[in-house]
């Protein structure tokens, strides 16, 4: 059986005051970003592929620090700007 994860990282992060061109997933906690911590958890849990839903303006900042290993098992799917609480996929 193969395991796939879907990571919703498409929020606006408006309550954090981070600004339009970054996101909570890019925040550093220790030596890694939140996204890197999540990807490590998925990898350690046996997940083979991760689909990451993210806003187009956040793709560059989220992919900039990914290791070749993380890049090999992730796929980014851009989502539209939020309309209401769920946004548009």
N, C-alpha and C. Protein backbone atom coordinates (compact mmCIF):
# COMPACT_ATOMS: atom_id res chain seq x y z
N UNK A 1 0.85 -1.17 0.00
CA UNK A 1 0.00 0.00 0.00
C UNK A 1 0.90 1.24 0.00
N UNK A 2 0.51 2.22 -0.76
CA UNK A 2 1.28 3.46 -0.74
C UNK A 2 0.50 4.57 -0.06
N UNK A 3 1.25 5.42 0.63
CA UNK A 3 0.64 6.50 1.39
C UNK A 3 0.95 7.84 0.75
N UNK A 4 -0.09 8.67 0.64
CA UNK A 4 0.02 10.01 0.06
C UNK A 4 -0.54 10.99 1.08
N UNK A 5 0.09 12.15 1.19
CA UNK A 5 -0.41 13.19 2.10
C UNK A 5 -0.75 14.44 1.31
N UNK A 6 -1.75 15.14 1.78
CA UNK A 6 -2.12 16.45 1.23
C UNK A 6 -1.92 17.46 2.34
N UNK A 7 -1.08 18.44 2.08
CA UNK A 7 -0.76 19.47 3.07
C UNK A 7 -1.36 20.79 2.61
N UNK A 8 -2.32 21.30 3.38
CA UNK A 8 -2.96 22.58 3.05
C UNK A 8 -2.12 23.71 3.62
N UNK A 9 -1.37 24.38 2.75
CA UNK A 9 -0.53 25.51 3.16
C UNK A 9 -0.93 26.75 2.37
N UNK A 10 -2.20 26.85 2.04
CA UNK A 10 -2.67 27.91 1.16
C UNK A 10 -3.31 29.09 1.84
N UNK A 11 -3.14 29.21 3.15
CA UNK A 11 -3.74 30.33 3.86
C UNK A 11 -3.03 31.64 3.61
N UNK A 12 -3.66 32.71 4.01
CA UNK A 12 -3.09 34.04 3.81
C UNK A 12 -2.18 34.46 4.95
N UNK A 13 -2.20 33.76 6.06
CA UNK A 13 -1.41 34.10 7.26
C UNK A 13 -1.67 35.54 7.70
N UNK A 14 -2.88 36.00 7.51
CA UNK A 14 -3.20 37.41 7.79
C UNK A 14 -3.14 37.74 9.28
N UNK A 15 -3.47 36.80 10.14
CA UNK A 15 -3.45 37.10 11.57
C UNK A 15 -2.04 37.14 12.16
N UNK A 16 -1.06 36.62 11.42
CA UNK A 16 0.32 36.62 11.92
C UNK A 16 1.05 37.91 11.63
N UNK A 17 0.54 38.70 10.69
CA UNK A 17 1.22 39.94 10.31
C UNK A 17 2.46 39.69 9.47
N UNK A 18 2.56 38.53 8.83
CA UNK A 18 3.75 38.18 8.07
C UNK A 18 3.86 38.94 6.75
N UNK A 19 2.77 39.42 6.23
CA UNK A 19 2.81 40.10 4.94
C UNK A 19 2.36 39.18 3.82
N UNK A 20 2.23 39.76 2.66
CA UNK A 20 1.63 39.07 1.53
C UNK A 20 2.54 38.00 0.91
N UNK A 21 3.85 38.16 1.00
CA UNK A 21 4.74 37.28 0.26
C UNK A 21 5.45 36.22 1.10
N UNK A 22 4.92 35.95 2.26
CA UNK A 22 5.44 34.82 3.04
C UNK A 22 4.27 34.14 3.73
N UNK A 23 4.54 33.06 4.40
CA UNK A 23 3.49 32.25 4.99
C UNK A 23 4.01 31.55 6.25
N UNK A 24 3.11 31.08 7.08
CA UNK A 24 3.52 30.40 8.31
C UNK A 24 4.40 29.19 8.01
N UNK A 25 4.15 28.49 6.92
CA UNK A 25 4.93 27.30 6.58
C UNK A 25 6.41 27.62 6.38
N UNK A 26 6.74 28.89 6.09
CA UNK A 26 8.13 29.30 5.87
C UNK A 26 8.81 29.78 7.16
N UNK A 27 8.07 29.85 8.26
CA UNK A 27 8.67 30.28 9.53
C UNK A 27 9.65 29.22 10.03
N UNK A 28 10.77 29.68 10.56
CA UNK A 28 11.77 28.77 11.10
C UNK A 28 11.45 28.43 12.55
N UNK A 29 11.54 27.14 12.84
CA UNK A 29 11.42 26.63 14.20
C UNK A 29 12.66 25.76 14.41
N UNK A 30 13.59 26.28 15.20
CA UNK A 30 14.86 25.57 15.33
C UNK A 30 15.67 25.72 14.06
N UNK A 31 16.13 24.58 13.56
CA UNK A 31 16.98 24.61 12.37
C UNK A 31 16.23 24.42 11.06
N UNK A 32 14.90 24.30 11.10
CA UNK A 32 14.10 24.06 9.90
C UNK A 32 12.86 24.94 9.87
N UNK A 33 12.28 25.06 8.69
CA UNK A 33 10.99 25.75 8.58
C UNK A 33 9.89 24.79 9.03
N UNK A 34 8.70 25.33 9.28
CA UNK A 34 7.56 24.47 9.62
C UNK A 34 7.30 23.45 8.51
N UNK A 35 7.42 23.89 7.26
CA UNK A 35 7.22 22.98 6.14
C UNK A 35 8.23 21.84 6.17
N UNK A 36 9.49 22.15 6.44
CA UNK A 36 10.50 21.09 6.51
C UNK A 36 10.23 20.11 7.65
N UNK A 37 9.77 20.62 8.78
CA UNK A 37 9.40 19.73 9.90
C UNK A 37 8.25 18.82 9.48
N UNK A 38 7.25 19.37 8.80
CA UNK A 38 6.10 18.56 8.37
C UNK A 38 6.52 17.50 7.36
N UNK A 39 7.38 17.88 6.42
CA UNK A 39 7.83 16.91 5.42
C UNK A 39 8.65 15.79 6.06
N UNK A 40 9.47 16.12 7.03
CA UNK A 40 10.25 15.09 7.75
C UNK A 40 9.30 14.13 8.47
N UNK A 41 8.26 14.68 9.11
CA UNK A 41 7.27 13.83 9.79
C UNK A 41 6.62 12.88 8.78
N UNK A 42 6.21 13.41 7.64
CA UNK A 42 5.57 12.55 6.63
C UNK A 42 6.54 11.46 6.16
N UNK A 43 7.78 11.85 5.85
CA UNK A 43 8.79 10.89 5.40
C UNK A 43 9.00 9.79 6.45
N UNK A 44 9.17 10.21 7.72
CA UNK A 44 9.39 9.25 8.80
C UNK A 44 8.18 8.36 9.04
N UNK A 45 7.00 8.79 8.61
CA UNK A 45 5.77 8.03 8.79
C UNK A 45 5.47 7.10 7.62
N UNK A 46 6.34 7.09 6.61
CA UNK A 46 6.14 6.19 5.48
C UNK A 46 5.37 6.78 4.32
N UNK A 47 5.10 8.07 4.36
CA UNK A 47 4.40 8.71 3.24
C UNK A 47 5.34 8.77 2.04
N UNK A 48 4.84 8.42 0.87
CA UNK A 48 5.67 8.37 -0.33
C UNK A 48 5.59 9.62 -1.19
N UNK A 49 4.47 10.31 -1.15
CA UNK A 49 4.28 11.52 -1.95
C UNK A 49 3.47 12.52 -1.14
N UNK A 50 3.84 13.80 -1.23
CA UNK A 50 3.11 14.86 -0.54
C UNK A 50 2.67 15.90 -1.56
N UNK A 51 1.40 16.20 -1.58
CA UNK A 51 0.87 17.27 -2.41
C UNK A 51 0.64 18.48 -1.51
N UNK A 52 1.28 19.59 -1.84
CA UNK A 52 1.21 20.79 -1.01
C UNK A 52 0.39 21.84 -1.74
N UNK A 53 -0.73 22.21 -1.14
CA UNK A 53 -1.57 23.27 -1.69
C UNK A 53 -1.07 24.60 -1.15
N UNK A 54 -0.66 25.50 -2.03
CA UNK A 54 -0.11 26.79 -1.59
C UNK A 54 -0.50 27.89 -2.55
N UNK A 55 -0.55 29.09 -2.02
CA UNK A 55 -0.85 30.25 -2.87
C UNK A 55 0.31 30.49 -3.83
N UNK A 56 0.02 30.92 -5.06
CA UNK A 56 1.08 31.12 -6.06
C UNK A 56 2.19 32.05 -5.57
N UNK A 57 1.84 33.09 -4.82
CA UNK A 57 2.86 34.04 -4.36
C UNK A 57 3.75 33.47 -3.26
N UNK A 58 3.39 32.31 -2.72
CA UNK A 58 4.19 31.68 -1.67
C UNK A 58 5.07 30.55 -2.20
N UNK A 59 4.88 30.15 -3.44
CA UNK A 59 5.61 29.00 -3.97
C UNK A 59 7.13 29.20 -3.93
N UNK A 60 7.61 30.37 -4.30
CA UNK A 60 9.05 30.62 -4.34
C UNK A 60 9.67 30.49 -2.96
N UNK A 61 9.04 31.13 -1.97
CA UNK A 61 9.60 31.10 -0.61
C UNK A 61 9.52 29.69 -0.01
N UNK A 62 8.50 28.92 -0.37
CA UNK A 62 8.37 27.57 0.18
C UNK A 62 9.33 26.58 -0.47
N UNK A 63 9.60 26.74 -1.74
CA UNK A 63 10.48 25.79 -2.43
C UNK A 63 11.96 26.14 -2.29
N UNK A 64 12.28 27.36 -1.88
CA UNK A 64 13.67 27.82 -1.86
C UNK A 64 14.57 26.98 -0.97
N UNK A 65 14.09 26.48 0.15
CA UNK A 65 14.94 25.75 1.10
C UNK A 65 14.77 24.24 1.06
N UNK A 66 13.94 23.74 0.18
CA UNK A 66 13.70 22.30 0.18
C UNK A 66 14.94 21.54 -0.29
N UNK A 67 15.26 20.49 0.44
CA UNK A 67 16.39 19.64 0.06
C UNK A 67 16.01 18.84 -1.19
N UNK A 68 17.01 18.30 -1.90
CA UNK A 68 16.69 17.43 -3.04
C UNK A 68 15.79 16.26 -2.65
N UNK A 69 15.98 15.72 -1.46
CA UNK A 69 15.11 14.64 -0.99
C UNK A 69 13.67 15.11 -0.85
N UNK A 70 13.48 16.28 -0.22
CA UNK A 70 12.12 16.82 -0.09
C UNK A 70 11.52 17.13 -1.45
N UNK A 71 12.32 17.67 -2.36
CA UNK A 71 11.82 17.99 -3.70
C UNK A 71 11.40 16.74 -4.46
N UNK A 72 12.06 15.61 -4.16
CA UNK A 72 11.78 14.39 -4.91
C UNK A 72 10.43 13.76 -4.57
N UNK A 73 9.87 14.09 -3.41
CA UNK A 73 8.59 13.45 -3.07
C UNK A 73 7.48 14.45 -2.81
N UNK A 74 7.68 15.72 -3.23
CA UNK A 74 6.62 16.71 -3.08
C UNK A 74 6.19 17.26 -4.43
N UNK A 75 4.96 17.71 -4.48
CA UNK A 75 4.44 18.41 -5.65
C UNK A 75 3.62 19.59 -5.12
N UNK A 76 3.88 20.77 -5.64
CA UNK A 76 3.14 21.96 -5.22
C UNK A 76 1.98 22.19 -6.18
N UNK A 77 0.83 22.46 -5.62
CA UNK A 77 -0.36 22.76 -6.40
C UNK A 77 -0.83 24.15 -6.01
N UNK A 78 -0.72 25.12 -6.93
CA UNK A 78 -1.15 26.48 -6.59
C UNK A 78 -2.66 26.55 -6.40
N UNK A 79 -3.07 27.30 -5.40
CA UNK A 79 -4.50 27.52 -5.16
C UNK A 79 -4.78 29.01 -5.25
N UNK A 80 -6.03 29.36 -5.56
CA UNK A 80 -6.40 30.77 -5.71
C UNK A 80 -6.43 31.51 -4.40
N UNK A 81 -6.61 32.80 -4.48
CA UNK A 81 -6.72 33.63 -3.27
C UNK A 81 -7.97 33.21 -2.50
N UNK A 82 -7.90 33.25 -1.17
CA UNK A 82 -9.05 32.81 -0.38
C UNK A 82 -10.30 33.65 -0.64
N UNK A 83 -11.41 32.96 -0.71
CA UNK A 83 -12.70 33.63 -0.76
C UNK A 83 -13.53 33.01 0.34
N UNK A 84 -13.58 33.68 1.47
CA UNK A 84 -14.21 33.08 2.63
C UNK A 84 -13.16 32.26 3.38
N UNK A 85 -13.57 31.32 4.16
CA UNK A 85 -12.62 30.59 4.99
C UNK A 85 -11.88 29.49 4.26
N UNK A 86 -12.43 28.93 3.18
CA UNK A 86 -11.81 27.77 2.55
C UNK A 86 -10.98 28.10 1.32
N UNK A 87 -11.20 29.23 0.69
CA UNK A 87 -10.44 29.56 -0.52
C UNK A 87 -10.94 28.79 -1.71
N UNK A 88 -10.23 28.92 -2.80
CA UNK A 88 -10.59 28.25 -4.05
C UNK A 88 -9.48 27.29 -4.42
N UNK A 89 -9.84 26.08 -4.76
CA UNK A 89 -8.84 25.09 -5.17
C UNK A 89 -8.90 24.92 -6.66
